[in-house]
Amino acid sequence: MWFIEGITGFIIMVGGAALLSLWVGSWTWLPDWLTARPWLVPLATALVLLPPVIIEPPLRFAVHRWELSADVVYARSGWLSREWVFVPVGRIQTVDKAQGWFERLLGLATVEIRTASYAGSSTIKGLDYEVAARLAEDLSHQAQQLRDDAT
């Protein structure tokens, strides 16, 4: 999913740079070396954007983890800076499932766990749809059983 999202953004940006390069030749305020070689604009864009498209998906896959225990949901995410979130099941207010375009295409889903505190909320992306549905249902049942006093 992350690779498809990255390559789609890459294609849009390089395509936009290619369209921009059609007008570069007529801009007199640019250096002569650039107006003589407008193909450098999409090439430079591609060279800058391609490494993250290749590196990001395996790194994200390596660091994104989640676990559901009897009373806590643990989620770890981030590929440049890491974030660990522990959500007490008894404090969960809502559990939502969501599917973006690419997730729907790949049969994946996102589970959004919300508490009254923004810092205690968590999002688990890229789950198999059945796993996400089961997780959301299990969390809802466990939250109802473990409801503690939120004072």
Foldseek 3Di string as FASTA:
>chain_A
DLLVVLVVVLCVVLVVLVVVLVCLLVDPVDDPVCNVPSVVRSVVSNVVSVVCSVPVPVQQVVFWDWDDDLFWIWTWGDRPDIDIAIAGLLQWDAWDKAADPVCVVVQWIKIWTDGPDPRRTDIRGGHRNVVSVVVRVVSVVSNVVNHDDPD
